[in-house]
């Protein structure tokens, strides 16, 4: 049993040498606000938190040639970010984007 665990550990170490992957997520919890809506006696209460977060990930696999990354932030209705990847033809694609309540 111990030999199997050591072998699995060694195989994992060799495979991990060829690829790299990471991610980061950070959520900012704001103050909760109560939103009231409804008609007559039927009222519905929603508890709304101002959406705010940051997200990032990256993959670098030299064996499969898979290289990509993304970063995005949101603060209320405003979202912005980018993603990048290596295309099969060898070119690199970089896309920057943003959106808010005025634009998509």
PDB file of N, CA and C in Angstrom:
ATOM      1  N   UNK A   1       0.834  -1.188   0.000  1.00  0.00           N
ATOM      2  CA  UNK A   1       0.000   0.000   0.000  1.00  0.00           C
ATOM      3  C   UNK A   1       0.878   1.250   0.000  1.00  0.00           C
ATOM      4  N   UNK A   2       1.934   1.259   0.796  1.00  0.00           N
ATOM      5  CA  UNK A   2       2.830   2.400   0.871  1.00  0.00           C
ATOM      6  C   UNK A   2       3.526   2.637  -0.470  1.00  0.00           C
ATOM      7  N   UNK A   3       3.904   1.537  -1.166  1.00  0.00           N
ATOM      8  CA  UNK A   3       4.553   1.670  -2.472  1.00  0.00           C
ATOM      9  C   UNK A   3       3.614   2.322  -3.480  1.00  0.00           C
ATOM     10  N   UNK A   4       2.323   2.003  -3.420  1.00  0.00           N
ATOM     11  CA  UNK A   4       1.345   2.601  -4.337  1.00  0.00           C
ATOM     12  C   UNK A   4       1.231   4.095  -4.073  1.00  0.00           C
ATOM     13  N   UNK A   5       1.178   4.494  -2.796  1.00  0.00           N
ATOM     14  CA  UNK A   5       1.077   5.913  -2.458  1.00  0.00           C
ATOM     15  C   UNK A   5       2.313   6.680  -2.919  1.00  0.00           C
ATOM     16  N   UNK A   6       3.489   6.102  -2.750  1.00  0.00           N
ATOM     17  CA  UNK A   6       4.721   6.753  -3.188  1.00  0.00           C
ATOM     18  C   UNK A   6       4.728   6.878  -4.708  1.00  0.00           C
ATOM     19  N   UNK A   7       4.321   5.834  -5.414  1.00  0.00           N
ATOM     20  CA  UNK A   7       4.265   5.871  -6.871  1.00  0.00           C
ATOM     21  C   UNK A   7       3.284   6.936  -7.357  1.00  0.00           C
ATOM     22  N   UNK A   8       2.114   7.002  -6.741  1.00  0.00           N
ATOM     23  CA  UNK A   8       1.125   8.021  -7.120  1.00  0.00           C
ATOM     24  C   UNK A   8       1.692   9.414  -6.862  1.00  0.00           C
ATOM     25  N   UNK A   9       2.384   9.605  -5.763  1.00  0.00           N
ATOM     26  CA  UNK A   9       3.009  10.892  -5.453  1.00  0.00           C
ATOM     27  C   UNK A   9       4.065  11.275  -6.470  1.00  0.00           C
ATOM     28  N   UNK A  10       4.886  10.307  -6.896  1.00  0.00           N
ATOM     29  CA  UNK A  10       5.921  10.577  -7.894  1.00  0.00           C
ATOM     30  C   UNK A  10       5.319  10.906  -9.256  1.00  0.00           C
ATOM     31  N   UNK A  11       4.282  10.187  -9.660  1.00  0.00           N
ATOM     32  CA  UNK A  11       3.622  10.460 -10.944  1.00  0.00           C
ATOM     33  C   UNK A  11       3.009  11.849 -10.907  1.00  0.00           C
ATOM     34  N   UNK A  12       2.376  12.203  -9.801  1.00  0.00           N
ATOM     35  CA  UNK A  12       1.795  13.539  -9.663  1.00  0.00           C
ATOM     36  C   UNK A  12       2.851  14.620  -9.742  1.00  0.00           C
ATOM     37  N   UNK A  13       4.014  14.402  -9.159  1.00  0.00           N
ATOM     38  CA  UNK A  13       5.097  15.387  -9.192  1.00  0.00           C
ATOM     39  C   UNK A  13       5.628  15.563 -10.604  1.00  0.00           C
ATOM     40  N   UNK A  14       5.758  14.477 -11.364  1.00  0.00           N
ATOM     41  CA  UNK A  14       6.248  14.557 -12.735  1.00  0.00           C
ATOM     42  C   UNK A  14       5.241  15.270 -13.625  1.00  0.00           C
ATOM     43  N   UNK A  15       3.965  14.942 -13.497  1.00  0.00           N
ATOM     44  CA  UNK A  15       2.928  15.576 -14.312  1.00  0.00           C
ATOM     45  C   UNK A  15       2.813  17.049 -13.966  1.00  0.00           C
ATOM     46  N   UNK A  16       2.891  17.413 -12.705  1.00  0.00           N
ATOM     47  CA  UNK A  16       2.754  18.801 -12.275  1.00  0.00           C
ATOM     48  C   UNK A  16       3.888  19.668 -12.815  1.00  0.00           C
ATOM     49  N   UNK A  17       4.995  19.079 -13.153  1.00  0.00           N
ATOM     50  CA  UNK A  17       6.125  19.826 -13.671  1.00  0.00           C
ATOM     51  C   UNK A  17       5.825  20.456 -15.025  1.00  0.00           C
ATOM     52  N   UNK A  18       4.899  19.916 -15.792  1.00  0.00           N
ATOM     53  CA  UNK A  18       4.623  20.385 -17.141  1.00  0.00           C
ATOM     54  C   UNK A  18       3.522  21.439 -17.221  1.00  0.00           C
ATOM     55  N   UNK A  19       2.746  21.627 -16.173  1.00  0.00           N
ATOM     56  CA  UNK A  19       1.615  22.536 -16.254  1.00  0.00           C
ATOM     57  C   UNK A  19       1.541  23.411 -15.008  1.00  0.00           C
ATOM     58  N   UNK A  20       0.937  24.581 -15.188  1.00  0.00           N
ATOM     59  CA  UNK A  20       0.742  25.510 -14.090  1.00  0.00           C
ATOM     60  C   UNK A  20      -0.662  26.082 -14.192  1.00  0.00           C
ATOM     61  N   UNK A  21      -1.361  26.115 -13.090  1.00  0.00           N
ATOM     62  CA  UNK A  21      -2.701  26.676 -13.057  1.00  0.00           C
ATOM     63  C   UNK A  21      -2.904  27.384 -11.725  1.00  0.00           C
ATOM     64  N   UNK A  22      -3.547  28.539 -11.761  1.00  0.00           N
ATOM     65  CA  UNK A  22      -3.824  29.245 -10.517  1.00  0.00           C
ATOM     66  C   UNK A  22      -5.120  30.023 -10.655  1.00  0.00           C
ATOM     67  N   UNK A  23      -5.713  30.346  -9.527  1.00  0.00           N
ATOM     68  CA  UNK A  23      -6.903  31.182  -9.541  1.00  0.00           C
ATOM     69  C   UNK A  23      -6.951  32.004  -8.262  1.00  0.00           C
ATOM     70  N   UNK A  24      -7.639  33.128  -8.359  1.00  0.00           N
ATOM     71  CA  UNK A  24      -7.780  34.015  -7.216  1.00  0.00           C
ATOM     72  C   UNK A  24      -9.172  34.625  -7.280  1.00  0.00           C
ATOM     73  N   UNK A  25      -9.915  34.529  -6.195  1.00  0.00           N
ATOM     74  CA  UNK A  25     -11.236  35.131  -6.108  1.00  0.00           C
ATOM     75  C   UNK A  25     -11.284  35.929  -4.816  1.00  0.00           C
ATOM     76  N   UNK A  26     -11.694  37.167  -4.921  1.00  0.00           N
ATOM     77  CA  UNK A  26     -11.824  38.006  -3.732  1.00  0.00           C
ATOM     78  C   UNK A  26     -13.174  38.701  -3.795  1.00  0.00           C
ATOM     79  N   UNK A  27     -14.051  38.398  -2.857  1.00  0.00           N
ATOM     80  CA  UNK A  27     -15.379  39.005  -2.812  1.00  0.00           C
ATOM     81  C   UNK A  27     -15.399  40.020  -1.689  1.00  0.00           C
ATOM     82  N   UNK A  28     -15.858  41.211  -2.010  1.00  0.00           N
ATOM     83  CA  UNK A  28     -15.974  42.279  -1.027  1.00  0.00           C
ATOM     84  C   UNK A  28     -17.419  42.318  -0.552  1.00  0.00           C
ATOM     85  N   UNK A  29     -17.662  41.964   0.694  1.00  0.00           N
ATOM     86  CA  UNK A  29     -19.022  42.012   1.225  1.00  0.00           C
ATOM     87  C   UNK A  29     -19.336  43.417   1.697  1.00  0.00           C
ATOM     88  N   UNK A  30     -20.369  43.998   1.103  1.00  0.00           N
ATOM     89  CA  UNK A  30     -20.801  45.334   1.497  1.00  0.00           C
ATOM     90  C   UNK A  30     -21.909  45.256   2.518  1.00  0.00           C
ATOM     91  N   UNK A  31     -22.540  46.371   2.753  1.00  0.00           N
ATOM     92  CA  UNK A  31     -23.647  46.442   3.700  1.00  0.00           C
ATOM     93  C   UNK A  31     -24.926  45.978   3.015  1.00  0.00           C
ATOM     94  N   UNK A  32     -25.735  45.223   3.726  1.00  0.00           N
ATOM     95  CA  UNK A  32     -26.999  44.736   3.185  1.00  0.00           C
ATOM     96  C   UNK A  32     -28.024  45.862   3.202  1.00  0.00           C
ATOM     97  N   UNK A  33     -28.789  45.978   2.124  1.00  0.00           N
ATOM     98  CA  UNK A  33     -29.857  46.948   2.038  1.00  0.00           C
ATOM     99  C   UNK A  33     -31.160  46.201   1.831  1.00  0.00           C
ATOM    100  N   UNK A  34     -32.224  46.648   2.488  1.00  0.00           N
ATOM    101  CA  UNK A  34     -33.529  46.040   2.303  1.00  0.00           C
ATOM    102  C   UNK A  34     -34.248  46.758   1.173  1.00  0.00           C
ATOM    103  N   UNK A  35     -34.776  46.010   0.224  1.00  0.00           N
ATOM    104  CA  UNK A  35     -35.518  46.572  -0.898  1.00  0.00           C
ATOM    105  C   UNK A  35     -36.957  46.107  -0.760  1.00  0.00           C
ATOM    106  N   UNK A  36     -37.897  47.047  -0.669  1.00  0.00           N
ATOM    107  CA  UNK A  36     -39.318  46.726  -0.519  1.00  0.00           C
ATOM    108  C   UNK A  36     -40.009  46.932  -1.862  1.00  0.00           C
ATOM    109  N   UNK A  37     -40.815  45.982  -2.266  1.00  0.00           N
ATOM    110  CA  UNK A  37     -41.658  46.170  -3.448  1.00  0.00           C
ATOM    111  C   UNK A  37     -42.879  45.279  -3.327  1.00  0.00           C
ATOM    112  N   UNK A  38     -43.932  45.666  -3.981  1.00  0.00           N
ATOM    113  CA  UNK A  38     -45.180  44.909  -3.911  1.00  0.00           C
ATOM    114  C   UNK A  38     -46.367  45.853  -3.895  1.00  0.00           C
ATOM    115  N   UNK A  39     -47.545  45.281  -3.961  1.00  0.00           N
ATOM    116  CA  UNK A  39     -48.782  46.064  -3.988  1.00  0.00           C
ATOM    117  C   UNK A  39     -49.714  45.587  -2.890  1.00  0.00           C
ATOM    118  N   UNK A  40     -50.432  46.524  -2.278  1.00  0.00           N
ATOM    119  CA  UNK A  40     -51.424  46.157  -1.273  1.00  0.00           C
ATOM    120  C   UNK A  40     -50.792  45.486  -0.078  1.00  0.00           C
ATOM    121  N   UNK A  41     -51.412  44.397   0.357  1.00  0.00           N
ATOM    122  CA  UNK A  41     -50.927  43.672   1.534  1.00  0.00           C
ATOM    123  C   UNK A  41     -49.777  42.719   1.210  1.00  0.00           C
ATOM    124  N   UNK A  42     -49.538  42.511  -0.080  1.00  0.00           N
ATOM    125  CA  UNK A  42     -48.488  41.571  -0.476  1.00  0.00           C
ATOM    126  C   UNK A  42     -47.184  42.332  -0.714  1.00  0.00           C
ATOM    127  N   UNK A  43     -46.319  42.277   0.250  1.00  0.00           N
ATOM    128  CA  UNK A  43     -45.014  42.928   0.125  1.00  0.00           C
ATOM    129  C   UNK A  43     -43.936  41.861   0.096  1.00  0.00           C
ATOM    130  N   UNK A  44     -42.941  42.097  -0.708  1.00  0.00           N
ATOM    131  CA  UNK A  44     -41.814  41.172  -0.815  1.00  0.00           C
ATOM    132  C   UNK A  44     -40.568  41.912  -0.361  1.00  0.00           C
ATOM    133  N   UNK A  45     -39.779  41.302   0.476  1.00  0.00           N
ATOM    134  CA  UNK A  45     -38.554  41.919   0.977  1.00  0.00           C
ATOM    135  C   UNK A  45     -37.360  41.198   0.379  1.00  0.00           C
ATOM    136  N   UNK A  46     -36.510  41.936  -0.289  1.00  0.00           N
ATOM    137  CA  UNK A  46     -35.248  41.407  -0.801  1.00  0.00           C
ATOM    138  C   UNK A  46     -34.121  42.030   0.000  1.00  0.00           C
ATOM    139  N   UNK A  47     -33.096  41.276   0.227  1.00  0.00           N
ATOM    140  CA  UNK A  47     -31.921  41.804   0.896  1.00  0.00           C
ATOM    141  C   UNK A  47     -30.812  41.862  -0.136  1.00  0.00           C
ATOM    142  N   UNK A  48     -30.381  43.059  -0.443  1.00  0.00           N
ATOM    143  CA  UNK A  48     -29.467  43.324  -1.538  1.00  0.00           C
ATOM    144  C   UNK A  48     -28.105  43.723  -0.983  1.00  0.00           C
ATOM    145  N   UNK A  49     -27.066  43.080  -1.471  1.00  0.00           N
ATOM    146  CA  UNK A  49     -25.705  43.467  -1.141  1.00  0.00           C
ATOM    147  C   UNK A  49     -25.060  44.027  -2.395  1.00  0.00           C
ATOM    148  N   UNK A  50     -24.416  45.152  -2.258  1.00  0.00           N
ATOM    149  CA  UNK A  50     -23.712  45.772  -3.387  1.00  0.00           C
ATOM    150  C   UNK A  50     -22.711  44.765  -3.949  1.00  0.00           C
ATOM    151  N   UNK A  51     -22.887  44.351  -5.219  1.00  0.00           N
ATOM    152  CA  UNK A  51     -21.974  43.339  -5.778  1.00  0.00           C
ATOM    153  C   UNK A  51     -20.582  43.922  -6.037  1.00  0.00           C
ATOM    154  N   UNK A  52     -19.592  43.293  -5.456  1.00  0.00           N
ATOM    155  CA  UNK A  52     -18.215  43.728  -5.653  1.00  0.00           C
ATOM    156  C   UNK A  52     -17.307  42.513  -5.512  1.00  0.00           C
ATOM    157  N   UNK A  53     -16.531  42.227  -6.566  1.00  0.00           N
ATOM    158  CA  UNK A  53     -15.616  41.090  -6.508  1.00  0.00           C
ATOM    159  C   UNK A  53     -14.454  41.293  -7.463  1.00  0.00           C
ATOM    160  N   UNK A  54     -13.453  40.441  -7.314  1.00  0.00           N
ATOM    161  CA  UNK A  54     -12.308  40.387  -8.207  1.00  0.00           C
ATOM    162  C   UNK A  54     -12.019  38.914  -8.466  1.00  0.00           C
ATOM    163  N   UNK A  55     -11.790  38.546  -9.727  1.00  0.00           N
ATOM    164  CA  UNK A  55     -11.578  37.155 -10.110  1.00  0.00           C
ATOM    165  C   UNK A  55     -10.404  37.097 -11.071  1.00  0.00           C
ATOM    166  N   UNK A  56      -9.579  36.066 -10.924  1.00  0.00           N
ATOM    167  CA  UNK A  56      -8.421  35.917 -11.803  1.00  0.00           C
ATOM    168  C   UNK A  56      -8.046  34.432 -11.904  1.00  0.00           C
ATOM    169  N   UNK A  57      -7.674  34.002 -13.095  1.00  0.00           N
ATOM    170  CA  UNK A  57      -7.118  32.648 -13.234  1.00  0.00           C
ATOM    171  C   UNK A  57      -6.103  32.621 -14.359  1.00  0.00           C
ATOM    172  N   UNK A  58      -5.252  31.611 -14.323  1.00  0.00           N
ATOM    173  CA  UNK A  58      -4.193  31.476 -15.329  1.00  0.00           C
ATOM    174  C   UNK A  58      -3.858  30.010 -15.501  1.00  0.00           C
ATOM    175  N   UNK A  59      -3.652  29.582 -16.753  1.00  0.00           N
ATOM    176  CA  UNK A  59      -3.248  28.222 -17.077  1.00  0.00           C
ATOM    177  C   UNK A  59      -2.040  28.300 -18.007  1.00  0.00           C
ATOM    178  N   UNK A  60      -0.999  27.577 -17.682  1.00  0.00           N
ATOM    179  CA  UNK A  60       0.175  27.454 -18.555  1.00  0.00           C
ATOM    180  C   UNK A  60       0.563  25.988 -18.616  1.00  0.00           C
ATOM    181  N   UNK A  61       0.241  25.335 -19.712  1.00  0.00           N
ATOM    182  CA  UNK A  61       0.568  23.922 -19.885  1.00  0.00           C
ATOM    183  C   UNK A  61       1.435  23.798 -21.137  1.00  0.00           C
ATOM    184  N   UNK A  62       2.718  23.625 -20.932  1.00  0.00           N
ATOM    185  CA  UNK A  62       3.658  23.564 -22.059  1.00  0.00           C
ATOM    186  C   UNK A  62       3.533  22.258 -22.844  1.00  0.00           C
ATOM    187  N   UNK A  63       2.997  21.233 -22.221  1.00  0.00           N
ATOM    188  CA  UNK A  63       2.826  19.959 -22.908  1.00  0.00           C
ATOM    189  C   UNK A  63       1.691  20.032 -23.936  1.00  0.00           C
ATOM    190  N   UNK A  64       0.545  20.582 -23.536  1.00  0.00           N
ATOM    191  CA  UNK A  64      -0.609  20.676 -24.451  1.00  0.00           C
ATOM    192  C   UNK A  64      -0.648  22.011 -25.186  1.00  0.00           C
ATOM    193  N   UNK A  65       0.256  22.914 -24.853  1.00  0.00           N
ATOM    194  CA  UNK A  65       0.309  24.265 -25.427  1.00  0.00           C
ATOM    195  C   UNK A  65      -0.919  25.095 -25.047  1.00  0.00           C
ATOM    196  N   UNK A  66      -1.547  24.766 -23.930  1.00  0.00           N
ATOM    197  CA  UNK A  66      -2.715  25.498 -23.442  1.00  0.00           C
ATOM    198  C   UNK A  66      -2.233  26.642 -22.554  1.00  0.00           C
ATOM    199  N   UNK A  67      -2.372  27.867 -23.046  1.00  0.00           N
ATOM    200  CA  UNK A  67      -1.973  29.059 -22.308  1.00  0.00           C
ATOM    201  C   UNK A  67      -3.134  30.037 -22.361  1.00  0.00           C
ATOM    202  N   UNK A  68      -3.670  30.395 -21.177  1.00  0.00           N
ATOM    203  CA  UNK A  68      -4.776  31.335 -21.142  1.00  0.00           C
ATOM    204  C   UNK A  68      -4.847  31.994 -19.771  1.00  0.00           C
ATOM    205  N   UNK A  69      -5.482  33.155 -19.733  1.00  0.00           N
ATOM    206  CA  UNK A  69      -5.658  33.847 -18.462  1.00  0.00           C
ATOM    207  C   UNK A  69      -6.878  34.758 -18.559  1.00  0.00           C
ATOM    208  N   UNK A  70      -7.421  35.100 -17.407  1.00  0.00           N
ATOM    209  CA  UNK A  70      -8.549  36.016 -17.351  1.00  0.00           C
ATOM    210  C   UNK A  70      -8.489  36.774 -16.038  1.00  0.00           C
ATOM    211  N   UNK A  71      -8.900  38.031 -16.088  1.00  0.00           N
ATOM    212  CA  UNK A  71      -9.006  38.869 -14.888  1.00  0.00           C
ATOM    213  C   UNK A  71     -10.271  39.696 -15.032  1.00  0.00           C
ATOM    214  N   UNK A  72     -11.079  39.745 -13.970  1.00  0.00           N
ATOM    215  CA  UNK A  72     -12.323  40.511 -14.023  1.00  0.00           C
ATOM    216  C   UNK A  72     -12.594  41.138 -12.659  1.00  0.00           C
ATOM    217  N   UNK A  73     -13.121  42.359 -12.669  1.00  0.00           N
ATOM    218  CA  UNK A  73     -13.553  43.025 -11.447  1.00  0.00           C
ATOM    219  C   UNK A  73     -14.962  43.547 -11.644  1.00  0.00           C
ATOM    220  N   UNK A  74     -15.710  43.604 -10.556  1.00  0.00           N
ATOM    221  CA  UNK A  74     -17.057  44.163 -10.590  1.00  0.00           C
ATOM    222  C   UNK A  74     -17.243  45.031  -9.351  1.00  0.00           C
ATOM    223  N   UNK A  75     -17.819  46.205  -9.572  1.00  0.00           N
ATOM    224  CA  UNK A  75     -18.183  47.105  -8.487  1.00  0.00           C
ATOM    225  C   UNK A  75     -19.551  47.670  -8.837  1.00  0.00           C
ATOM    226  N   UNK A  76     -20.597  47.100  -8.256  1.00  0.00           N
ATOM    227  CA  UNK A  76     -21.968  47.500  -8.595  1.00  0.00           C
ATOM    228  C   UNK A  76     -22.308  47.053 -10.004  1.00  0.00           C
ATOM    229  N   UNK A  77     -22.727  47.996 -10.832  1.00  0.00           N
ATOM    230  CA  UNK A  77     -23.076  47.680 -12.224  1.00  0.00           C
ATOM    231  C   UNK A  77     -21.875  47.718 -13.156  1.00  0.00           C
ATOM    232  N   UNK A  78     -20.732  48.166 -12.686  1.00  0.00           N
ATOM    233  CA  UNK A  78     -19.546  48.300 -13.539  1.00  0.00           C
ATOM    234  C   UNK A  78     -18.710  47.020 -13.496  1.00  0.00           C
ATOM    235  N   UNK A  79     -18.526  46.411 -14.666  1.00  0.00           N
ATOM    236  CA  UNK A  79     -17.700  45.211 -14.809  1.00  0.00           C
ATOM    237  C   UNK A  79     -16.618  45.512 -15.834  1.00  0.00           C
ATOM    238  N   UNK A  80     -15.378  45.139 -15.526  1.00  0.00           N
ATOM    239  CA  UNK A  80     -14.304  45.293 -16.508  1.00  0.00           C
ATOM    240  C   UNK A  80     -13.320  44.151 -16.349  1.00  0.00           C
ATOM    241  N   UNK A  81     -12.637  43.853 -17.427  1.00  0.00           N
ATOM    242  CA  UNK A  81     -11.676  42.772 -17.359  1.00  0.00           C
ATOM    243  C   UNK A  81     -11.013  42.516 -18.686  1.00  0.00           C
ATOM    244  N   UNK A  82     -10.268  41.425 -18.736  1.00  0.00           N
ATOM    245  CA  UNK A  82      -9.612  40.999 -19.967  1.00  0.00           C
ATOM    246  C   UNK A  82      -9.432  39.490 -19.936  1.00  0.00           C
ATOM    247  N   UNK A  83      -9.250  38.939 -21.114  1.00  0.00           N
ATOM    248  CA  UNK A  83      -8.789  37.559 -21.195  1.00  0.00           C
ATOM    249  C   UNK A  83      -7.794  37.454 -22.331  1.00  0.00           C
ATOM    250  N   UNK A  84      -6.905  36.500 -22.199  1.00  0.00           N
ATOM    251  CA  UNK A  84      -5.855  36.288 -23.187  1.00  0.00           C
ATOM    252  C   UNK A  84      -5.683  34.792 -23.385  1.00  0.00           C
ATOM    253  N   UNK A  85      -5.392  34.416 -24.634  1.00  0.00           N
ATOM    254  CA  UNK A  85      -5.134  33.013 -24.919  1.00  0.00           C
ATOM    255  C   UNK A  85      -4.263  32.873 -26.148  1.00  0.00           C
ATOM    256  N   UNK A  86      -3.575  31.748 -26.224  1.00  0.00           N
ATOM    257  CA  UNK A  86      -2.761  31.412 -27.387  1.00  0.00           C
ATOM    258  C   UNK A  86      -3.639  30.610 -28.344  1.00  0.00           C
ATOM    259  N   UNK A  87      -3.739  31.083 -29.566  1.00  0.00           N
ATOM    260  CA  UNK A  87      -4.536  30.404 -30.584  1.00  0.00           C
ATOM    261  C   UNK A  87      -3.743  29.219 -31.157  1.00  0.00           C
ATOM    262  N   UNK A  88      -4.449  28.231 -31.769  1.00  0.00           N
ATOM    263  CA  UNK A  88      -3.748  27.077 -32.360  1.00  0.00           C
ATOM    264  C   UNK A  88      -2.749  27.457 -33.450  1.00  0.00           C
ATOM    265  N   UNK A  89      -2.974  28.602 -34.141  1.00  0.00           N
ATOM    266  CA  UNK A  89      -2.048  29.011 -35.204  1.00  0.00           C
ATOM    267  C   UNK A  89      -0.814  29.727 -34.666  1.00  0.00           C
ATOM    268  N   UNK A  90      -0.698  29.868 -33.339  1.00  0.00           N
ATOM    269  CA  UNK A  90       0.468  30.498 -32.736  1.00  0.00           C
ATOM    270  C   UNK A  90       0.256  31.954 -32.358  1.00  0.00           C
ATOM    271  N   UNK A  91      -0.812  32.558 -32.838  1.00  0.00           N
ATOM    272  CA  UNK A  91      -1.072  33.955 -32.488  1.00  0.00           C
ATOM    273  C   UNK A  91      -1.647  34.057 -31.074  1.00  0.00           C
ATOM    274  N   UNK A  92      -1.592  35.245 -30.526  1.00  0.00           N
ATOM    275  CA  UNK A  92      -2.142  35.492 -29.196  1.00  0.00           C
ATOM    276  C   UNK A  92      -3.348  36.406 -29.321  1.00  0.00           C
ATOM    277  N   UNK A  93      -4.388  36.098 -28.570  1.00  0.00           N
ATOM    278  CA  UNK A  93      -5.594  36.933 -28.560  1.00  0.00           C
ATOM    279  C   UNK A  93      -5.700  37.620 -27.199  1.00  0.00           C
ATOM    280  N   UNK A  94      -5.865  38.935 -27.221  1.00  0.00           N
ATOM    281  CA  UNK A  94      -6.066  39.719 -26.008  1.00  0.00           C
ATOM    282  C   UNK A  94      -7.363  40.493 -26.160  1.00  0.00           C
ATOM    283  N   UNK A  95      -8.287  40.312 -25.241  1.00  0.00           N
ATOM    284  CA  UNK A  95      -9.580  40.978 -25.293  1.00  0.00           C
ATOM    285  C   UNK A  95      -9.789  41.728 -23.983  1.00  0.00           C
ATOM    286  N   UNK A  96     -10.026  43.026 -24.095  1.00  0.00           N
ATOM    287  CA  UNK A  96     -10.355  43.863 -22.942  1.00  0.00           C
ATOM    288  C   UNK A  96     -11.829  44.232 -23.066  1.00  0.00           C
ATOM    289  N   UNK A  97     -12.571  44.170 -21.972  1.00  0.00           N
ATOM    290  CA  UNK A  97     -14.005  44.461 -22.020  1.00  0.00           C
ATOM    291  C   UNK A  97     -14.433  45.250 -20.797  1.00  0.00           C
ATOM    292  N   UNK A  98     -15.556  45.932 -20.941  1.00  0.00           N
ATOM    293  CA  UNK A  98     -16.161  46.642 -19.816  1.00  0.00           C
ATOM    294  C   UNK A  98     -17.656  46.778 -20.072  1.00  0.00           C
ATOM    295  N   UNK A  99     -18.386  46.917 -19.028  1.00  0.00           N
ATOM    296  CA  UNK A  99     -19.824  47.136 -19.123  1.00  0.00           C
ATOM    297  C   UNK A  99     -20.308  47.822 -17.865  1.00  0.00           C
ATOM    298  N   UNK A 100     -21.311  48.668 -18.017  1.00  0.00           N
ATOM    299  CA  UNK A 100     -21.929  49.338 -16.879  1.00  0.00           C
ATOM    300  C   UNK A 100     -23.392  49.566 -17.219  1.00  0.00           C
ATOM    301  N   UNK A 101     -24.106  50.363 -16.418  1.00  0.00           N
ATOM    302  CA  UNK A 101     -25.534  50.525 -16.670  1.00  0.00           C
ATOM    303  C   UNK A 101     -25.810  51.344 -17.933  1.00  0.00           C
ATOM    304  N   UNK A 102     -24.778  51.956 -18.524  1.00  0.00           N
ATOM    305  CA  UNK A 102     -24.942  52.737 -19.748  1.00  0.00           C
ATOM    306  C   UNK A 102     -24.484  52.010 -20.990  1.00  0.00           C
ATOM    307  N   UNK A 103     -23.605  51.023 -20.829  1.00  0.00           N
ATOM    308  CA  UNK A 103     -23.077  50.308 -21.994  1.00  0.00           C
ATOM    309  C   UNK A 103     -22.958  48.834 -21.663  1.00  0.00           C
ATOM    310  N   UNK A 104     -22.924  48.011 -22.700  1.00  0.00           N
ATOM    311  CA  UNK A 104     -22.839  46.575 -22.478  1.00  0.00           C
ATOM    312  C   UNK A 104     -21.485  46.032 -22.727  1.00  0.00           C
TER     313      UNK A 104
END
